[in-house]
Amino acid sequence: MLPTHHPLTVKDLNPIGVAATLLGFVGFTVCLWLLVWVGMDKEGKTQRPFRWLAIASVISFAVMLWGLTKA
């Protein structure tokens, strides 16, 4: 990549990448919150939805990283 002399502006960003990054970030944050509050009981043992929430958080993180590479 060649260095340029103009600063990065909003016009340089890809809207699909930005939307995917925001969607992945929100999904990852919500999944982590649910993972703690719904996926575990009072003693810290995992409950039934723990596996699906963990999978959803990994997918959301992957979407966020993909969006960052496209933005």
PDB file of N, CA and C in Angstrom:
ATOM      1  N   MET A   1       0.845  -1.171   0.000  1.00  0.00           N
ATOM      2  CA  MET A   1       0.000   0.000   0.000  1.00  0.00           C
ATOM      3  C   MET A   1       0.895   1.240   0.000  1.00  0.00           C
ATOM      4  N   LEU A   2       0.633   2.132  -0.883  1.00  0.00           N
ATOM      5  CA  LEU A   2       1.421   3.350  -1.002  1.00  0.00           C
ATOM      6  C   LEU A   2       0.943   4.394  -0.004  1.00  0.00           C
ATOM      7  N   PRO A   3       1.860   5.094   0.626  1.00  0.00           N
ATOM      8  CA  PRO A   3       1.440   6.142   1.558  1.00  0.00           C
ATOM      9  C   PRO A   3       0.797   7.305   0.800  1.00  0.00           C
ATOM     10  N   THR A   4      -0.208   7.860   1.383  1.00  0.00           N
ATOM     11  CA  THR A   4      -0.881   9.014   0.790  1.00  0.00           C
ATOM     12  C   THR A   4      -0.721  10.220   1.717  1.00  0.00           C
ATOM     13  N   HIS A   5      -1.009  11.372   1.169  1.00  0.00           N
ATOM     14  CA  HIS A   5      -0.842  12.597   1.941  1.00  0.00           C
ATOM     15  C   HIS A   5      -2.177  13.207   2.367  1.00  0.00           C
ATOM     16  N   HIS A   6      -3.263  12.489   2.164  1.00  0.00           N
ATOM     17  CA  HIS A   6      -4.540  13.023   2.617  1.00  0.00           C
ATOM     18  C   HIS A   6      -5.053  12.152   3.770  1.00  0.00           C
ATOM     19  N   PRO A   7      -5.699  12.759   4.752  1.00  0.00           N
ATOM     20  CA  PRO A   7      -6.176  12.001   5.915  1.00  0.00           C
ATOM     21  C   PRO A   7      -7.382  11.128   5.548  1.00  0.00           C
ATOM     22  N   LEU A   8      -7.587  10.081   6.336  1.00  0.00           N
ATOM     23  CA  LEU A   8      -8.724   9.193   6.144  1.00  0.00           C
ATOM     24  C   LEU A   8     -10.002   9.921   6.544  1.00  0.00           C
ATOM     25  N   THR A   9     -10.997   9.885   5.688  1.00  0.00           N
ATOM     26  CA  THR A   9     -12.277  10.540   5.978  1.00  0.00           C
ATOM     27  C   THR A   9     -13.382   9.498   5.982  1.00  0.00           C
ATOM     28  N   VAL A  10     -14.577   9.934   6.332  1.00  0.00           N
ATOM     29  CA  VAL A  10     -15.733   9.050   6.364  1.00  0.00           C
ATOM     30  C   VAL A  10     -16.068   8.545   4.964  1.00  0.00           C
ATOM     31  N   LYS A  11     -15.807   9.341   3.960  1.00  0.00           N
ATOM     32  CA  LYS A  11     -16.089   8.930   2.583  1.00  0.00           C
ATOM     33  C   LYS A  11     -15.241   7.738   2.153  1.00  0.00           C
ATOM     34  N   ASP A  12     -14.096   7.548   2.798  1.00  0.00           N
ATOM     35  CA  ASP A  12     -13.217   6.439   2.453  1.00  0.00           C
ATOM     36  C   ASP A  12     -13.681   5.102   3.020  1.00  0.00           C
ATOM     37  N   LEU A  13     -14.609   5.111   3.957  1.00  0.00           N
ATOM     38  CA  LEU A  13     -15.062   3.883   4.597  1.00  0.00           C
ATOM     39  C   LEU A  13     -16.131   3.179   3.772  1.00  0.00           C
ATOM     40  N   ASN A  14     -16.149   1.857   3.866  1.00  0.00           N
ATOM     41  CA  ASN A  14     -17.158   1.042   3.197  1.00  0.00           C
ATOM     42  C   ASN A  14     -18.363   0.900   4.128  1.00  0.00           C
ATOM     43  N   PRO A  15     -19.571   1.317   3.709  1.00  0.00           N
ATOM     44  CA  PRO A  15     -20.727   1.260   4.602  1.00  0.00           C
ATOM     45  C   PRO A  15     -21.098  -0.162   5.030  1.00  0.00           C
ATOM     46  N   ILE A  16     -20.882  -1.152   4.164  1.00  0.00           N
ATOM     47  CA  ILE A  16     -21.190  -2.536   4.521  1.00  0.00           C
ATOM     48  C   ILE A  16     -20.247  -3.003   5.639  1.00  0.00           C
ATOM     49  N   GLY A  17     -18.989  -2.656   5.537  1.00  0.00           N
ATOM     50  CA  GLY A  17     -18.033  -3.029   6.569  1.00  0.00           C
ATOM     51  C   GLY A  17     -18.324  -2.373   7.904  1.00  0.00           C
ATOM     52  N   VAL A  18     -18.710  -1.113   7.854  1.00  0.00           N
ATOM     53  CA  VAL A  18     -19.037  -0.402   9.092  1.00  0.00           C
ATOM     54  C   VAL A  18     -20.282  -1.002   9.734  1.00  0.00           C
ATOM     55  N   ALA A  19     -21.300  -1.307   8.926  1.00  0.00           N
ATOM     56  CA  ALA A  19     -22.526  -1.907   9.454  1.00  0.00           C
ATOM     57  C   ALA A  19     -22.243  -3.293  10.039  1.00  0.00           C
ATOM     58  N   ALA A  20     -21.426  -4.091   9.361  1.00  0.00           N
ATOM     59  CA  ALA A  20     -21.087  -5.422   9.871  1.00  0.00           C
ATOM     60  C   ALA A  20     -20.296  -5.323  11.167  1.00  0.00           C
ATOM     61  N   THR A  21     -19.403  -4.356  11.248  1.00  0.00           N
ATOM     62  CA  THR A  21     -18.627  -4.169  12.472  1.00  0.00           C
ATOM     63  C   THR A  21     -19.536  -3.787  13.636  1.00  0.00           C
ATOM     64  N   LEU A  22     -20.433  -2.855  13.414  1.00  0.00           N
ATOM     65  CA  LEU A  22     -21.348  -2.445  14.482  1.00  0.00           C
ATOM     66  C   LEU A  22     -22.286  -3.575  14.895  1.00  0.00           C
ATOM     67  N   LEU A  23     -22.806  -4.308  13.910  1.00  0.00           N
ATOM     68  CA  LEU A  23     -23.687  -5.433  14.210  1.00  0.00           C
ATOM     69  C   LEU A  23     -22.931  -6.514  14.988  1.00  0.00           C
ATOM     70  N   GLY A  24     -21.718  -6.815  14.574  1.00  0.00           N
ATOM     71  CA  GLY A  24     -20.915  -7.804  15.287  1.00  0.00           C
ATOM     72  C   GLY A  24     -20.570  -7.365  16.693  1.00  0.00           C
ATOM     73  N   PHE A  25     -20.267  -6.076  16.862  1.00  0.00           N
ATOM     74  CA  PHE A  25     -19.940  -5.567  18.190  1.00  0.00           C
ATOM     75  C   PHE A  25     -21.130  -5.652  19.131  1.00  0.00           C
ATOM     76  N   VAL A  26     -22.298  -5.241  18.649  1.00  0.00           N
ATOM     77  CA  VAL A  26     -23.507  -5.305  19.480  1.00  0.00           C
ATOM     78  C   VAL A  26     -23.852  -6.757  19.797  1.00  0.00           C
ATOM     79  N   GLY A  27     -23.786  -7.624  18.796  1.00  0.00           N
ATOM     80  CA  GLY A  27     -24.079  -9.038  19.021  1.00  0.00           C
ATOM     81  C   GLY A  27     -23.110  -9.675  19.992  1.00  0.00           C
ATOM     82  N   PHE A  28     -21.834  -9.361  19.866  1.00  0.00           N
ATOM     83  CA  PHE A  28     -20.829  -9.917  20.768  1.00  0.00           C
ATOM     84  C   PHE A  28     -21.046  -9.435  22.191  1.00  0.00           C
ATOM     85  N   THR A  29     -21.344  -8.156  22.359  1.00  0.00           N
ATOM     86  CA  THR A  29     -21.574  -7.607  23.692  1.00  0.00           C
ATOM     87  C   THR A  29     -22.803  -8.227  24.339  1.00  0.00           C
ATOM     88  N   VAL A  30     -23.881  -8.343  23.574  1.00  0.00           N
ATOM     89  CA  VAL A  30     -25.111  -8.937  24.112  1.00  0.00           C
ATOM     90  C   VAL A  30     -24.891 -10.411  24.450  1.00  0.00           C
ATOM     91  N   CYS A  31     -24.202 -11.139  23.583  1.00  0.00           N
ATOM     92  CA  CYS A  31     -23.945 -12.552  23.849  1.00  0.00           C
ATOM     93  C   CYS A  31     -23.088 -12.747  25.092  1.00  0.00           C
ATOM     94  N   LEU A  32     -22.080 -11.913  25.272  1.00  0.00           N
ATOM     95  CA  LEU A  32     -21.263 -12.031  26.481  1.00  0.00           C
ATOM     96  C   LEU A  32     -22.070 -11.727  27.730  1.00  0.00           C
ATOM     97  N   TRP A  33     -22.922 -10.730  27.647  1.00  0.00           N
ATOM     98  CA  TRP A  33     -23.759 -10.392  28.798  1.00  0.00           C
ATOM     99  C   TRP A  33     -24.709 -11.542  29.115  1.00  0.00           C
ATOM    100  N   LEU A  34     -25.345 -12.097  28.081  1.00  0.00           N
ATOM    101  CA  LEU A  34     -26.253 -13.221  28.296  1.00  0.00           C
ATOM    102  C   LEU A  34     -25.513 -14.473  28.747  1.00  0.00           C
ATOM    103  N   LEU A  35     -24.293 -14.632  28.287  1.00  0.00           N
ATOM    104  CA  LEU A  35     -23.486 -15.787  28.678  1.00  0.00           C
ATOM    105  C   LEU A  35     -23.284 -15.812  30.187  1.00  0.00           C
ATOM    106  N   VAL A  36     -23.071 -14.652  30.769  1.00  0.00           N
ATOM    107  CA  VAL A  36     -22.856 -14.578  32.213  1.00  0.00           C
ATOM    108  C   VAL A  36     -24.174 -14.663  32.972  1.00  0.00           C
ATOM    109  N   TRP A  37     -25.191 -13.932  32.526  1.00  0.00           N
ATOM    110  CA  TRP A  37     -26.420 -13.826  33.299  1.00  0.00           C
ATOM    111  C   TRP A  37     -27.404 -14.959  33.065  1.00  0.00           C
ATOM    112  N   VAL A  38     -27.408 -15.542  31.874  1.00  0.00           N
ATOM    113  CA  VAL A  38     -28.366 -16.610  31.578  1.00  0.00           C
ATOM    114  C   VAL A  38     -27.669 -17.972  31.517  1.00  0.00           C
ATOM    115  N   GLY A  39     -26.442 -17.990  31.055  1.00  0.00           N
ATOM    116  CA  GLY A  39     -25.748 -19.253  30.838  1.00  0.00           C
ATOM    117  C   GLY A  39     -25.141 -19.876  32.081  1.00  0.00           C
ATOM    118  N   MET A  40     -25.157 -19.177  33.215  1.00  0.00           N
ATOM    119  CA  MET A  40     -24.575 -19.723  34.440  1.00  0.00           C
ATOM    120  C   MET A  40     -25.557 -19.572  35.591  1.00  0.00           C
ATOM    121  N   ASP A  41     -25.477 -20.505  36.534  1.00  0.00           N
ATOM    122  CA  ASP A  41     -26.337 -20.402  37.708  1.00  0.00           C
ATOM    123  C   ASP A  41     -25.592 -19.677  38.837  1.00  0.00           C
ATOM    124  N   LYS A  42     -26.158 -19.715  40.046  1.00  0.00           N
ATOM    125  CA  LYS A  42     -25.581 -18.968  41.163  1.00  0.00           C
ATOM    126  C   LYS A  42     -24.201 -19.463  41.574  1.00  0.00           C
ATOM    127  N   GLU A  43     -23.938 -20.747  41.371  1.00  0.00           N
ATOM    128  CA  GLU A  43     -22.643 -21.318  41.740  1.00  0.00           C
ATOM    129  C   GLU A  43     -21.605 -21.194  40.626  1.00  0.00           C
ATOM    130  N   GLY A  44     -21.989 -20.670  39.469  1.00  0.00           N
ATOM    131  CA  GLY A  44     -21.070 -20.511  38.355  1.00  0.00           C
ATOM    132  C   GLY A  44     -21.006 -21.705  37.422  1.00  0.00           C
ATOM    133  N   LYS A  45     -21.919 -22.656  37.612  1.00  0.00           N
ATOM    134  CA  LYS A  45     -21.973 -23.820  36.729  1.00  0.00           C
ATOM    135  C   LYS A  45     -22.741 -23.456  35.468  1.00  0.00           C
ATOM    136  N   THR A  46     -22.315 -24.033  34.361  1.00  0.00           N
ATOM    137  CA  THR A  46     -22.975 -23.711  33.094  1.00  0.00           C
ATOM    138  C   THR A  46     -24.330 -24.377  33.010  1.00  0.00           C
ATOM    139  N   GLN A  47     -25.256 -23.693  32.372  1.00  0.00           N
ATOM    140  CA  GLN A  47     -26.594 -24.209  32.159  1.00  0.00           C
ATOM    141  C   GLN A  47     -26.769 -24.546  30.683  1.00  0.00           C
ATOM    142  N   ARG A  48     -27.963 -24.973  30.333  1.00  0.00           N
ATOM    143  CA  ARG A  48     -28.239 -25.449  28.986  1.00  0.00           C
ATOM    144  C   ARG A  48     -27.932 -24.434  27.877  1.00  0.00           C
ATOM    145  N   PRO A  49     -28.334 -23.161  27.973  1.00  0.00           N
ATOM    146  CA  PRO A  49     -28.079 -22.245  26.840  1.00  0.00           C
ATOM    147  C   PRO A  49     -26.633 -21.780  26.718  1.00  0.00           C
ATOM    148  N   PHE A  50     -25.752 -22.226  27.613  1.00  0.00           N
ATOM    149  CA  PHE A  50     -24.371 -21.751  27.602  1.00  0.00           C
ATOM    150  C   PHE A  50     -23.678 -22.062  26.276  1.00  0.00           C
ATOM    151  N   ARG A  51     -23.857 -23.274  25.761  1.00  0.00           N
ATOM    152  CA  ARG A  51     -23.178 -23.675  24.521  1.00  0.00           C
ATOM    153  C   ARG A  51     -23.623 -22.809  23.352  1.00  0.00           C
ATOM    154  N   TRP A  52     -24.921 -22.565  23.220  1.00  0.00           N
ATOM    155  CA  TRP A  52     -25.430 -21.784  22.085  1.00  0.00           C
ATOM    156  C   TRP A  52     -25.031 -20.320  22.194  1.00  0.00           C
ATOM    157  N   LEU A  53     -24.975 -19.807  23.400  1.00  0.00           N
ATOM    158  CA  LEU A  53     -24.527 -18.427  23.579  1.00  0.00           C
ATOM    159  C   LEU A  53     -23.037 -18.289  23.279  1.00  0.00           C
ATOM    160  N   ALA A  54     -22.260 -19.297  23.635  1.00  0.00           N
ATOM    161  CA  ALA A  54     -20.831 -19.267  23.325  1.00  0.00           C
ATOM    162  C   ALA A  54     -20.611 -19.313  21.813  1.00  0.00           C
ATOM    163  N   ILE A  55     -21.365 -20.156  21.122  1.00  0.00           N
ATOM    164  CA  ILE A  55     -21.264 -20.235  19.660  1.00  0.00           C
ATOM    165  C   ILE A  55     -21.683 -18.914  19.019  1.00  0.00           C
ATOM    166  N   ALA A  56     -22.765 -18.320  19.526  1.00  0.00           N
ATOM    167  CA  ALA A  56     -23.231 -17.039  18.987  1.00  0.00           C
ATOM    168  C   ALA A  56     -22.217 -15.932  19.228  1.00  0.00           C
ATOM    169  N   SER A  57     -21.538 -15.960  20.369  1.00  0.00           N
ATOM    170  CA  SER A  57     -20.542 -14.916  20.636  1.00  0.00           C
ATOM    171  C   SER A  57     -19.333 -15.065  19.709  1.00  0.00           C
ATOM    172  N   VAL A  58     -18.941 -16.299  19.402  1.00  0.00           N
ATOM    173  CA  VAL A  58     -17.828 -16.510  18.474  1.00  0.00           C
ATOM    174  C   VAL A  58     -18.211 -16.047  17.071  1.00  0.00           C
ATOM    175  N   ILE A  59     -19.435 -16.350  16.648  1.00  0.00           N
ATOM    176  CA  ILE A  59     -19.905 -15.912  15.327  1.00  0.00           C
ATOM    177  C   ILE A  59     -19.976 -14.392  15.261  1.00  0.00           C
ATOM    178  N   SER A  60     -20.489 -13.766  16.304  1.00  0.00           N
ATOM    179  CA  SER A  60     -20.564 -12.298  16.338  1.00  0.00           C
ATOM    180  C   SER A  60     -19.179 -11.672  16.298  1.00  0.00           C
ATOM    181  N   PHE A  61     -18.233 -12.272  16.986  1.00  0.00           N
ATOM    182  CA  PHE A  61     -16.866 -11.761  16.972  1.00  0.00           C
ATOM    183  C   PHE A  61     -16.262 -11.888  15.575  1.00  0.00           C
ATOM    184  N   ALA A  62     -16.548 -13.010  14.909  1.00  0.00           N
ATOM    185  CA  ALA A  62     -16.046 -13.205  13.547  1.00  0.00           C
ATOM    186  C   ALA A  62     -16.654 -12.187  12.595  1.00  0.00           C
ATOM    187  N   VAL A  63     -17.936 -11.895  12.742  1.00  0.00           N
ATOM    188  CA  VAL A  63     -18.589 -10.874  11.896  1.00  0.00           C
ATOM    189  C   VAL A  63     -17.972  -9.505  12.145  1.00  0.00           C
ATOM    190  N   MET A  64     -17.684  -9.216  13.413  1.00  0.00           N
ATOM    191  CA  MET A  64     -17.068  -7.932  13.740  1.00  0.00           C
ATOM    192  C   MET A  64     -15.676  -7.813  13.108  1.00  0.00           C
ATOM    193  N   LEU A  65     -14.885  -8.878  13.173  1.00  0.00           N
ATOM    194  CA  LEU A  65     -13.555  -8.838  12.569  1.00  0.00           C
ATOM    195  C   LEU A  65     -13.640  -8.738  11.053  1.00  0.00           C
ATOM    196  N   TRP A  66     -14.589  -9.457  10.445  1.00  0.00           N
ATOM    197  CA  TRP A  66     -14.758  -9.384   9.003  1.00  0.00           C
ATOM    198  C   TRP A  66     -15.147  -7.957   8.592  1.00  0.00           C
ATOM    199  N   GLY A  67     -16.060  -7.353   9.359  1.00  0.00           N
ATOM    200  CA  GLY A  67     -16.455  -5.985   9.053  1.00  0.00           C
ATOM    201  C   GLY A  67     -15.317  -5.003   9.191  1.00  0.00           C
ATOM    202  N   LEU A  68     -14.440  -5.228  10.168  1.00  0.00           N
ATOM    203  CA  LEU A  68     -13.284  -4.342  10.331  1.00  0.00           C
ATOM    204  C   LEU A  68     -12.345  -4.449   9.138  1.00  0.00           C
ATOM    205  N   THR A  69     -12.193  -5.639   8.587  1.00  0.00           N
ATOM    206  CA  THR A  69     -11.311  -5.775   7.423  1.00  0.00           C
ATOM    207  C   THR A  69     -11.926  -5.154   6.177  1.00  0.00           C
ATOM    208  N   LYS A  70     -13.251  -5.093   6.097  1.00  0.00           N
ATOM    209  CA  LYS A  70     -13.921  -4.521   4.930  1.00  0.00           C
ATOM    210  C   LYS A  70     -14.145  -3.018   5.053  1.00  0.00           C
ATOM    211  N   ALA A  71     -14.142  -2.494   6.255  1.00  0.00           N
ATOM    212  CA  ALA A  71     -14.378  -1.061   6.446  1.00  0.00           C
ATOM    213  C   ALA A  71     -13.159  -0.304   6.047  1.00  0.00           C
TER     214      ALA A  71
END
